[in-house]
Amino acid sequence: MFEMLNLCEDALVQYDELDALFTQFILNHSAGDTAEWLSPFTEQQCRSWDGLCLSQPINIDKRQLIKKNKASLLDFRNYLFSRQSTLLFLLQRPLEVAQRAIPFLHNCVQELQILEVQMPPGAIDCWVFLTCLEVLHACEHFNESGQLETYSLNTASMWDYARGKANRNHWKN
């Protein structure tokens, strides 16, 4: 509703609260307080590890999976972060997208481990690599030359993280 009223800041706060609440449910799950609605995330193998998509304002495919309760953890997390990123871009805060990306990636990897989501070998690394590239690509379009140093500080860790994931799996054939 906030987005339809063009209240991007308020919409971002709501998405941030949803993100924190979801994380808290997963942490509670790891402590033994399971929520039944988390079952789809834990009972099925993750069959899609396509990276984040920031090229469209709303990922309709992910939204439909969520509505039908068929989304994987990565589908849900990708959708949520893409909505937050879109709002940050609309608010002219692209550097914040870059700043949030590494914690987002680490959090998702940890949640996959907590929920013991079954994934093929290398799938998580592939998802991290693709997501890093997507965030870097999207942030480049909003990069202002006056903020080059700040931009570089926020994206260097993503480049390093992506490189590490690519190198780690490059020789495992």
N, C-alpha and C. Protein backbone atom coordinates (compact mmCIF):
# COMPACT_ATOMS: atom_id res chain seq x y z
N MET A 1 0.82 -1.18 0.00
CA MET A 1 0.00 0.00 0.00
C MET A 1 0.88 1.26 0.00
N PHE A 2 1.94 1.25 0.82
CA PHE A 2 2.83 2.42 0.87
C PHE A 2 3.45 2.71 -0.50
N GLU A 3 3.79 1.62 -1.21
CA GLU A 3 4.38 1.82 -2.53
C GLU A 3 3.40 2.46 -3.49
N MET A 4 2.15 2.02 -3.44
CA MET A 4 1.13 2.60 -4.33
C MET A 4 0.90 4.07 -4.02
N LEU A 5 1.12 4.47 -2.79
CA LEU A 5 0.98 5.87 -2.40
C LEU A 5 2.28 6.64 -2.60
N ASN A 6 3.29 5.97 -3.17
CA ASN A 6 4.60 6.54 -3.42
C ASN A 6 5.30 6.97 -2.12
N LEU A 7 5.05 6.22 -1.07
CA LEU A 7 5.71 6.44 0.22
C LEU A 7 6.82 5.39 0.35
N CYS A 8 7.85 5.58 -0.44
CA CYS A 8 8.91 4.58 -0.54
C CYS A 8 9.62 4.34 0.78
N GLU A 9 9.87 5.38 1.53
CA GLU A 9 10.56 5.23 2.83
C GLU A 9 9.75 4.35 3.78
N ASP A 10 8.44 4.59 3.83
CA ASP A 10 7.57 3.79 4.70
C ASP A 10 7.49 2.34 4.21
N ALA A 11 7.45 2.15 2.89
CA ALA A 11 7.43 0.80 2.33
C ALA A 11 8.72 0.06 2.68
N LEU A 12 9.84 0.77 2.59
CA LEU A 12 11.13 0.16 2.92
C LEU A 12 11.17 -0.27 4.38
N VAL A 13 10.64 0.54 5.26
CA VAL A 13 10.59 0.18 6.69
C VAL A 13 9.79 -1.11 6.87
N GLN A 14 8.69 -1.24 6.16
CA GLN A 14 7.86 -2.44 6.27
C GLN A 14 8.62 -3.68 5.76
N TYR A 15 9.31 -3.53 4.63
CA TYR A 15 10.10 -4.66 4.11
C TYR A 15 11.24 -5.01 5.06
N ASP A 16 11.86 -4.02 5.65
CA ASP A 16 12.94 -4.27 6.62
C ASP A 16 12.40 -5.01 7.84
N GLU A 17 11.22 -4.63 8.29
CA GLU A 17 10.62 -5.31 9.44
C GLU A 17 10.24 -6.74 9.09
N LEU A 18 9.72 -6.95 7.89
CA LEU A 18 9.40 -8.31 7.44
C LEU A 18 10.67 -9.16 7.38
N ASP A 19 11.74 -8.58 6.88
CA ASP A 19 13.03 -9.26 6.81
C ASP A 19 13.50 -9.68 8.20
N ALA A 20 13.46 -8.76 9.14
CA ALA A 20 13.89 -9.05 10.51
C ALA A 20 12.99 -10.08 11.17
N LEU A 21 11.71 -9.99 10.95
CA LEU A 21 10.77 -10.95 11.53
C LEU A 21 10.99 -12.35 10.98
N PHE A 22 11.22 -12.44 9.68
CA PHE A 22 11.48 -13.75 9.06
C PHE A 22 12.76 -14.36 9.63
N THR A 23 13.80 -13.55 9.75
CA THR A 23 15.05 -14.03 10.34
C THR A 23 14.83 -14.52 11.76
N GLN A 24 14.03 -13.79 12.53
CA GLN A 24 13.76 -14.19 13.91
C GLN A 24 13.03 -15.54 13.96
N PHE A 25 12.09 -15.77 13.05
CA PHE A 25 11.41 -17.06 13.00
C PHE A 25 12.39 -18.20 12.72
N ILE A 26 13.35 -17.94 11.85
CA ILE A 26 14.34 -18.98 11.54
C ILE A 26 15.25 -19.22 12.74
N LEU A 27 15.66 -18.17 13.42
CA LEU A 27 16.48 -18.34 14.63
C LEU A 27 15.70 -19.08 15.72
N ASN A 28 14.43 -18.76 15.86
CA ASN A 28 13.59 -19.48 16.82
C ASN A 28 13.47 -20.95 16.44
N HIS A 29 13.38 -21.20 15.15
CA HIS A 29 13.32 -22.58 14.66
C HIS A 29 14.57 -23.35 15.07
N SER A 30 15.72 -22.70 14.94
CA SER A 30 16.98 -23.37 15.30
C SER A 30 17.06 -23.65 16.80
N ALA A 31 16.29 -22.87 17.59
CA ALA A 31 16.27 -23.07 19.05
C ALA A 31 15.16 -24.04 19.47
N GLY A 32 14.46 -24.63 18.49
CA GLY A 32 13.44 -25.62 18.80
C GLY A 32 12.01 -25.12 18.75
N ASP A 33 11.81 -23.85 18.54
CA ASP A 33 10.46 -23.28 18.47
C ASP A 33 10.06 -23.20 16.99
N THR A 34 9.56 -24.31 16.46
CA THR A 34 9.29 -24.37 15.03
C THR A 34 7.93 -23.79 14.69
N ALA A 35 7.88 -23.10 13.58
CA ALA A 35 6.63 -22.57 13.03
C ALA A 35 6.24 -23.47 11.86
N GLU A 36 5.02 -23.93 11.86
CA GLU A 36 4.57 -24.88 10.83
C GLU A 36 4.71 -24.31 9.42
N TRP A 37 4.51 -23.02 9.26
CA TRP A 37 4.56 -22.43 7.93
C TRP A 37 5.99 -22.42 7.34
N LEU A 38 7.01 -22.70 8.17
CA LEU A 38 8.37 -22.82 7.65
C LEU A 38 8.63 -24.18 6.99
N SER A 39 7.72 -25.12 7.17
CA SER A 39 7.90 -26.48 6.65
C SER A 39 8.25 -26.55 5.17
N PRO A 40 7.57 -25.80 4.31
CA PRO A 40 7.94 -25.89 2.89
C PRO A 40 9.41 -25.54 2.62
N PHE A 41 9.99 -24.69 3.43
CA PHE A 41 11.39 -24.32 3.25
C PHE A 41 12.33 -25.44 3.69
N THR A 42 11.88 -26.28 4.62
CA THR A 42 12.76 -27.31 5.18
C THR A 42 12.53 -28.69 4.57
N GLU A 43 11.37 -28.94 4.00
CA GLU A 43 11.02 -30.29 3.57
C GLU A 43 11.37 -30.60 2.13
N GLN A 44 11.58 -29.61 1.32
CA GLN A 44 11.86 -29.88 -0.08
C GLN A 44 13.26 -29.42 -0.46
N GLN A 45 13.83 -30.13 -1.42
CA GLN A 45 15.16 -29.74 -1.89
C GLN A 45 15.02 -28.47 -2.74
N CYS A 46 15.95 -27.58 -2.58
CA CYS A 46 15.97 -26.35 -3.37
C CYS A 46 16.43 -26.71 -4.78
N ARG A 47 15.58 -26.46 -5.76
CA ARG A 47 15.88 -26.83 -7.14
C ARG A 47 16.24 -25.64 -8.02
N SER A 48 16.23 -24.46 -7.44
CA SER A 48 16.55 -23.26 -8.20
C SER A 48 17.46 -22.37 -7.36
N TRP A 49 18.58 -22.02 -7.91
CA TRP A 49 19.52 -21.16 -7.20
C TRP A 49 19.95 -20.02 -8.11
N ASP A 50 19.00 -19.62 -8.96
CA ASP A 50 19.28 -18.46 -9.80
C ASP A 50 19.47 -17.25 -8.89
N GLY A 51 20.35 -16.41 -9.27
CA GLY A 51 20.68 -15.27 -8.42
C GLY A 51 19.57 -14.24 -8.37
N LEU A 52 19.81 -13.26 -7.60
CA LEU A 52 18.92 -12.13 -7.44
C LEU A 52 18.69 -11.44 -8.79
N CYS A 53 17.50 -10.90 -8.99
CA CYS A 53 17.20 -10.17 -10.22
C CYS A 53 16.79 -8.75 -9.85
N LEU A 54 17.59 -7.79 -10.26
CA LEU A 54 17.29 -6.38 -9.98
C LEU A 54 16.97 -5.61 -11.25
N SER A 55 16.83 -6.30 -12.37
CA SER A 55 16.58 -5.62 -13.64
C SER A 55 15.11 -5.26 -13.84
N GLN A 56 14.25 -5.79 -13.01
CA GLN A 56 12.83 -5.44 -13.09
C GLN A 56 12.36 -5.01 -11.71
N PRO A 57 11.44 -4.05 -11.64
CA PRO A 57 11.01 -3.54 -10.34
C PRO A 57 10.36 -4.60 -9.46
N ILE A 58 9.58 -5.49 -10.06
CA ILE A 58 8.93 -6.56 -9.30
C ILE A 58 9.11 -7.86 -10.06
N ASN A 59 9.66 -8.85 -9.39
CA ASN A 59 9.83 -10.16 -10.00
C ASN A 59 8.50 -10.92 -9.84
N ILE A 60 7.71 -10.88 -10.90
CA ILE A 60 6.37 -11.47 -10.88
C ILE A 60 6.43 -12.98 -10.63
N ASP A 61 7.41 -13.67 -11.21
CA ASP A 61 7.52 -15.12 -11.02
C ASP A 61 7.73 -15.48 -9.55
N LYS A 62 8.63 -14.77 -8.90
CA LYS A 62 8.89 -15.04 -7.48
C LYS A 62 7.66 -14.69 -6.65
N ARG A 63 7.01 -13.59 -7.00
CA ARG A 63 5.81 -13.19 -6.26
C ARG A 63 4.73 -14.27 -6.36
N GLN A 64 4.57 -14.85 -7.55
CA GLN A 64 3.56 -15.91 -7.73
C GLN A 64 3.92 -17.16 -6.92
N LEU A 65 5.19 -17.51 -6.89
CA LEU A 65 5.62 -18.66 -6.08
C LEU A 65 5.30 -18.42 -4.60
N ILE A 66 5.54 -17.21 -4.14
CA ILE A 66 5.26 -16.88 -2.74
C ILE A 66 3.76 -16.97 -2.48
N LYS A 67 2.95 -16.41 -3.38
CA LYS A 67 1.49 -16.45 -3.20
C LYS A 67 0.96 -17.88 -3.17
N LYS A 68 1.56 -18.75 -3.98
CA LYS A 68 1.11 -20.15 -4.05
C LYS A 68 1.77 -21.03 -2.98
N ASN A 69 2.58 -20.42 -2.11
CA ASN A 69 3.31 -21.13 -1.06
C ASN A 69 4.23 -22.22 -1.64
N LYS A 70 4.83 -21.91 -2.78
CA LYS A 70 5.74 -22.84 -3.44
C LYS A 70 7.15 -22.28 -3.56
N ALA A 71 7.39 -21.17 -2.91
CA ALA A 71 8.70 -20.52 -2.98
C ALA A 71 9.70 -21.24 -2.09
N SER A 72 10.92 -21.34 -2.59
CA SER A 72 12.01 -21.85 -1.76
C SER A 72 12.50 -20.70 -0.90
N LEU A 73 13.38 -21.01 0.04
CA LEU A 73 13.97 -19.96 0.87
C LEU A 73 14.68 -18.92 0.00
N LEU A 74 15.42 -19.38 -1.01
CA LEU A 74 16.13 -18.44 -1.88
C LEU A 74 15.15 -17.61 -2.71
N ASP A 75 14.06 -18.22 -3.17
CA ASP A 75 13.04 -17.45 -3.89
C ASP A 75 12.51 -16.32 -3.02
N PHE A 76 12.15 -16.66 -1.78
CA PHE A 76 11.59 -15.66 -0.88
C PHE A 76 12.61 -14.57 -0.56
N ARG A 77 13.82 -14.99 -0.22
CA ARG A 77 14.86 -14.01 0.13
C ARG A 77 15.22 -13.13 -1.06
N ASN A 78 15.33 -13.72 -2.26
CA ASN A 78 15.61 -12.93 -3.46
C ASN A 78 14.52 -11.89 -3.69
N TYR A 79 13.27 -12.31 -3.55
CA TYR A 79 12.16 -11.38 -3.77
C TYR A 79 12.21 -10.24 -2.76
N LEU A 80 12.39 -10.58 -1.50
CA LEU A 80 12.40 -9.56 -0.46
C LEU A 80 13.56 -8.57 -0.66
N PHE A 81 14.75 -9.07 -0.93
CA PHE A 81 15.89 -8.17 -1.12
C PHE A 81 15.72 -7.33 -2.39
N SER A 82 15.13 -7.91 -3.43
CA SER A 82 14.92 -7.14 -4.66
C SER A 82 13.94 -5.99 -4.43
N ARG A 83 12.92 -6.23 -3.61
CA ARG A 83 11.97 -5.15 -3.28
C ARG A 83 12.66 -4.05 -2.47
N GLN A 84 13.46 -4.45 -1.49
CA GLN A 84 14.21 -3.46 -0.70
C GLN A 84 15.15 -2.66 -1.60
N SER A 85 15.83 -3.35 -2.50
CA SER A 85 16.78 -2.69 -3.40
C SER A 85 16.07 -1.72 -4.33
N THR A 86 14.94 -2.14 -4.89
CA THR A 86 14.18 -1.26 -5.78
C THR A 86 13.80 0.03 -5.06
N LEU A 87 13.35 -0.10 -3.83
CA LEU A 87 12.98 1.09 -3.06
C LEU A 87 14.19 1.97 -2.78
N LEU A 88 15.31 1.35 -2.45
CA LEU A 88 16.53 2.13 -2.21
C LEU A 88 16.98 2.86 -3.47
N PHE A 89 16.85 2.23 -4.62
CA PHE A 89 17.19 2.91 -5.87
C PHE A 89 16.24 4.08 -6.12
N LEU A 90 14.96 3.88 -5.85
CA LEU A 90 13.99 4.97 -6.01
C LEU A 90 14.28 6.13 -5.05
N LEU A 91 14.81 5.80 -3.88
CA LEU A 91 15.16 6.81 -2.89
C LEU A 91 16.54 7.42 -3.13
N GLN A 92 17.16 7.04 -4.26
CA GLN A 92 18.49 7.54 -4.63
C GLN A 92 19.55 7.14 -3.62
N ARG A 93 19.46 5.90 -3.11
CA ARG A 93 20.43 5.40 -2.14
C ARG A 93 21.06 4.09 -2.63
N PRO A 94 21.69 4.11 -3.81
CA PRO A 94 22.25 2.88 -4.36
C PRO A 94 23.40 2.31 -3.52
N LEU A 95 24.15 3.19 -2.85
CA LEU A 95 25.25 2.68 -2.03
C LEU A 95 24.73 1.82 -0.88
N GLU A 96 23.53 2.11 -0.43
CA GLU A 96 22.96 1.30 0.64
C GLU A 96 22.64 -0.11 0.16
N VAL A 97 22.30 -0.25 -1.12
CA VAL A 97 22.09 -1.59 -1.69
C VAL A 97 23.40 -2.37 -1.61
N ALA A 98 24.49 -1.72 -2.01
CA ALA A 98 25.80 -2.37 -1.95
C ALA A 98 26.18 -2.70 -0.51
N GLN A 99 25.88 -1.80 0.42
CA GLN A 99 26.21 -2.04 1.83
C GLN A 99 25.40 -3.20 2.41
N ARG A 100 24.17 -3.36 1.98
CA ARG A 100 23.30 -4.41 2.51
C ARG A 100 23.56 -5.78 1.87
N ALA A 101 24.23 -5.80 0.73
CA ALA A 101 24.35 -7.04 -0.03
C ALA A 101 25.13 -8.14 0.70
N ILE A 102 26.29 -7.83 1.23
CA ILE A 102 27.10 -8.87 1.89
C ILE A 102 26.37 -9.43 3.12
N PRO A 103 25.81 -8.60 4.00
CA PRO A 103 25.04 -9.18 5.11
C PRO A 103 23.86 -10.04 4.62
N PHE A 104 23.21 -9.60 3.54
CA PHE A 104 22.12 -10.38 2.96
C PHE A 104 22.62 -11.75 2.52
N LEU A 105 23.74 -11.79 1.82
CA LEU A 105 24.29 -13.06 1.34
C LEU A 105 24.66 -13.97 2.50
N HIS A 106 25.38 -13.44 3.47
CA HIS A 106 25.78 -14.24 4.63
C HIS A 106 24.56 -14.75 5.40
N ASN A 107 23.56 -13.91 5.56
CA ASN A 107 22.35 -14.29 6.28
C ASN A 107 21.63 -15.43 5.57
N CYS A 108 21.52 -15.34 4.25
CA CYS A 108 20.84 -16.40 3.49
C CYS A 108 21.59 -17.73 3.59
N VAL A 109 22.89 -17.68 3.46
CA VAL A 109 23.69 -18.91 3.57
C VAL A 109 23.50 -19.53 4.95
N GLN A 110 23.51 -18.70 5.98
CA GLN A 110 23.31 -19.20 7.34
C GLN A 110 21.91 -19.79 7.50
N GLU A 111 20.90 -19.13 6.95
CA GLU A 111 19.53 -19.64 7.06
C GLU A 111 19.37 -20.97 6.33
N LEU A 112 20.02 -21.12 5.19
CA LEU A 112 19.98 -22.40 4.48
C LEU A 112 20.56 -23.51 5.34
N GLN A 113 21.63 -23.20 6.06
CA GLN A 113 22.24 -24.18 6.95
C GLN A 113 21.36 -24.47 8.15
N ILE A 114 20.79 -23.44 8.75
CA ILE A 114 19.92 -23.62 9.92
C ILE A 114 18.73 -24.50 9.58
N LEU A 115 18.11 -24.22 8.43
CA LEU A 115 16.93 -24.99 8.03
C LEU A 115 17.28 -26.30 7.35
N GLU A 116 18.58 -26.54 7.18
CA GLU A 116 19.08 -27.78 6.55
C GLU A 116 18.45 -28.01 5.19
N VAL A 117 18.40 -26.95 4.39
CA VAL A 117 17.84 -27.03 3.05
C VAL A 117 18.79 -27.85 2.18
N GLN A 118 18.25 -28.85 1.51
CA GLN A 118 19.05 -29.71 0.65
C GLN A 118 19.29 -29.01 -0.69
N MET A 119 20.58 -28.91 -1.04
CA MET A 119 20.97 -28.28 -2.31
C MET A 119 22.11 -29.07 -2.92
N PRO A 120 22.17 -29.12 -4.26
CA PRO A 120 23.29 -29.81 -4.90
C PRO A 120 24.61 -29.13 -4.57
N PRO A 121 25.71 -29.86 -4.61
CA PRO A 121 27.02 -29.25 -4.35
C PRO A 121 27.28 -28.09 -5.31
N GLY A 122 27.75 -27.00 -4.77
CA GLY A 122 28.08 -25.82 -5.57
C GLY A 122 26.92 -24.87 -5.82
N ALA A 123 25.70 -25.29 -5.48
CA ALA A 123 24.52 -24.46 -5.75
C ALA A 123 24.55 -23.15 -4.96
N ILE A 124 24.92 -23.23 -3.70
CA ILE A 124 24.97 -22.02 -2.88
C ILE A 124 26.03 -21.06 -3.41
N ASP A 125 27.19 -21.60 -3.76
CA ASP A 125 28.26 -20.76 -4.30
C ASP A 125 27.82 -20.11 -5.61
N CYS A 126 27.11 -20.85 -6.43
CA CYS A 126 26.59 -20.31 -7.69
C CYS A 126 25.62 -19.17 -7.41
N TRP A 127 24.70 -19.37 -6.46
CA TRP A 127 23.74 -18.33 -6.11
C TRP A 127 24.45 -17.07 -5.60
N VAL A 128 25.44 -17.26 -4.72
CA VAL A 128 26.19 -16.11 -4.18
C VAL A 128 26.88 -15.37 -5.31
N PHE A 129 27.55 -16.10 -6.20
CA PHE A 129 28.27 -15.49 -7.31
C PHE A 129 27.33 -14.68 -8.20
N LEU A 130 26.21 -15.29 -8.62
CA LEU A 130 25.26 -14.60 -9.49
C LEU A 130 24.64 -13.38 -8.81
N THR A 131 24.36 -13.51 -7.53
CA THR A 131 23.76 -12.40 -6.79
C THR A 131 24.75 -11.24 -6.66
N CYS A 132 26.00 -11.55 -6.37
CA CYS A 132 27.02 -10.49 -6.30
C CYS A 132 27.11 -9.74 -7.63
N LEU A 133 27.16 -10.48 -8.72
CA LEU A 133 27.27 -9.83 -10.03
C LEU A 133 26.05 -8.96 -10.32
N GLU A 134 24.86 -9.43 -9.95
CA GLU A 134 23.64 -8.66 -10.20
C GLU A 134 23.64 -7.36 -9.39
N VAL A 135 24.02 -7.43 -8.14
CA VAL A 135 24.06 -6.22 -7.30
C VAL A 135 25.11 -5.24 -7.84
N LEU A 136 26.27 -5.75 -8.18
CA LEU A 136 27.32 -4.89 -8.72
C LEU A 136 26.87 -4.23 -10.02
N HIS A 137 26.24 -4.99 -10.88
CA HIS A 137 25.76 -4.45 -12.15
C HIS A 137 24.70 -3.37 -11.93
N ALA A 138 23.75 -3.64 -11.04
CA ALA A 138 22.68 -2.67 -10.77
C ALA A 138 23.24 -1.41 -10.14
N CYS A 139 24.17 -1.55 -9.21
CA CYS A 139 24.74 -0.38 -8.53
C CYS A 139 25.57 0.48 -9.48
N GLU A 140 26.19 -0.14 -10.47
CA GLU A 140 26.99 0.61 -11.45
C GLU A 140 26.16 1.66 -12.17
N HIS A 141 24.90 1.33 -12.45
CA HIS A 141 24.02 2.26 -13.16
C HIS A 141 23.70 3.51 -12.34
N PHE A 142 23.84 3.38 -11.03
CA PHE A 142 23.50 4.49 -10.15
C PHE A 142 24.73 5.16 -9.56
N ASN A 143 25.89 4.70 -9.95
CA ASN A 143 27.14 5.22 -9.41
C ASN A 143 27.37 6.65 -9.87
N GLU A 144 27.63 7.51 -8.93
CA GLU A 144 27.97 8.90 -9.24
C GLU A 144 29.47 9.07 -9.11
N SER A 145 30.07 9.77 -10.05
CA SER A 145 31.53 9.91 -10.03
C SER A 145 32.02 10.61 -8.76
N GLY A 146 31.20 11.43 -8.14
CA GLY A 146 31.59 12.12 -6.92
C GLY A 146 31.68 11.21 -5.72
N GLN A 147 31.13 10.02 -5.83
CA GLN A 147 31.14 9.06 -4.72
C GLN A 147 31.95 7.82 -5.07
N LEU A 148 32.90 7.96 -5.97
CA LEU A 148 33.66 6.81 -6.45
C LEU A 148 34.37 6.07 -5.32
N GLU A 149 34.99 6.79 -4.41
CA GLU A 149 35.72 6.14 -3.32
C GLU A 149 34.77 5.35 -2.41
N THR A 150 33.67 5.96 -2.04
CA THR A 150 32.69 5.27 -1.19
C THR A 150 32.10 4.08 -1.92
N TYR A 151 31.79 4.27 -3.20
CA TYR A 151 31.25 3.19 -4.02
C TYR A 151 32.24 2.02 -4.06
N SER A 152 33.49 2.32 -4.29
CA SER A 152 34.52 1.28 -4.38
C SER A 152 34.69 0.52 -3.06
N LEU A 153 34.62 1.24 -1.95
CA LEU A 153 34.73 0.58 -0.65
C LEU A 153 33.59 -0.40 -0.42
N ASN A 154 32.40 -0.03 -0.88
CA ASN A 154 31.24 -0.88 -0.68
C ASN A 154 31.14 -2.04 -1.66
N THR A 155 31.78 -1.92 -2.79
CA THR A 155 31.67 -2.99 -3.78
C THR A 155 32.90 -3.90 -3.82
N ALA A 156 34.01 -3.46 -3.28
CA ALA A 156 35.22 -4.28 -3.31
C ALA A 156 35.01 -5.61 -2.59
N SER A 157 34.30 -5.59 -1.47
CA SER A 157 34.07 -6.84 -0.74
C SER A 157 33.16 -7.78 -1.53
N MET A 158 32.24 -7.22 -2.30
CA MET A 158 31.40 -8.08 -3.13
C MET A 158 32.19 -8.72 -4.26
N TRP A 159 33.06 -7.94 -4.88
CA TRP A 159 33.92 -8.50 -5.93
C TRP A 159 34.78 -9.62 -5.36
N ASP A 160 35.32 -9.40 -4.16
CA ASP A 160 36.16 -10.41 -3.53
C ASP A 160 35.35 -11.66 -3.19
N TYR A 161 34.16 -11.46 -2.68
CA TYR A 161 33.29 -12.59 -2.31
C TYR A 161 32.92 -13.41 -3.55
N ALA A 162 32.55 -12.72 -4.62
CA ALA A 162 32.21 -13.40 -5.87
C ALA A 162 33.41 -14.16 -6.43
N ARG A 163 34.58 -13.51 -6.40
CA ARG A 163 35.80 -14.16 -6.88
C ARG A 163 36.10 -15.41 -6.09
N GLY A 164 35.95 -15.31 -4.77
CA GLY A 164 36.21 -16.47 -3.91
C GLY A 164 35.28 -17.63 -4.20
N LYS A 165 34.01 -17.35 -4.45
CA LYS A 165 33.05 -18.41 -4.76
C LYS A 165 33.37 -19.04 -6.11
N ALA A 166 33.76 -18.22 -7.09
CA ALA A 166 34.10 -18.75 -8.42
C ALA A 166 35.36 -19.60 -8.34
N ASN A 167 36.38 -19.13 -7.64
CA ASN A 167 37.64 -19.87 -7.53
C ASN A 167 37.46 -21.17 -6.75
N ARG A 168 36.63 -21.15 -5.74
CA ARG A 168 36.44 -22.33 -4.88
C ARG A 168 35.87 -23.50 -5.67
N ASN A 169 35.00 -23.23 -6.62
CA ASN A 169 34.36 -24.31 -7.36
C ASN A 169 34.97 -24.54 -8.73
N HIS A 170 35.87 -23.68 -9.16
CA HIS A 170 36.45 -23.80 -10.49
C HIS A 170 37.21 -25.10 -10.67
N TRP A 171 37.89 -25.55 -9.66
CA TRP A 171 38.74 -26.74 -9.79
C TRP A 171 38.09 -28.00 -9.28
N LYS A 172 36.80 -28.00 -8.94
CA LYS A 172 36.16 -29.18 -8.36
C LYS A 172 35.53 -30.09 -9.41
N ASN A 173 35.95 -30.06 -10.64
CA ASN A 173 35.35 -30.92 -11.67
C ASN A 173 35.92 -32.31 -11.65
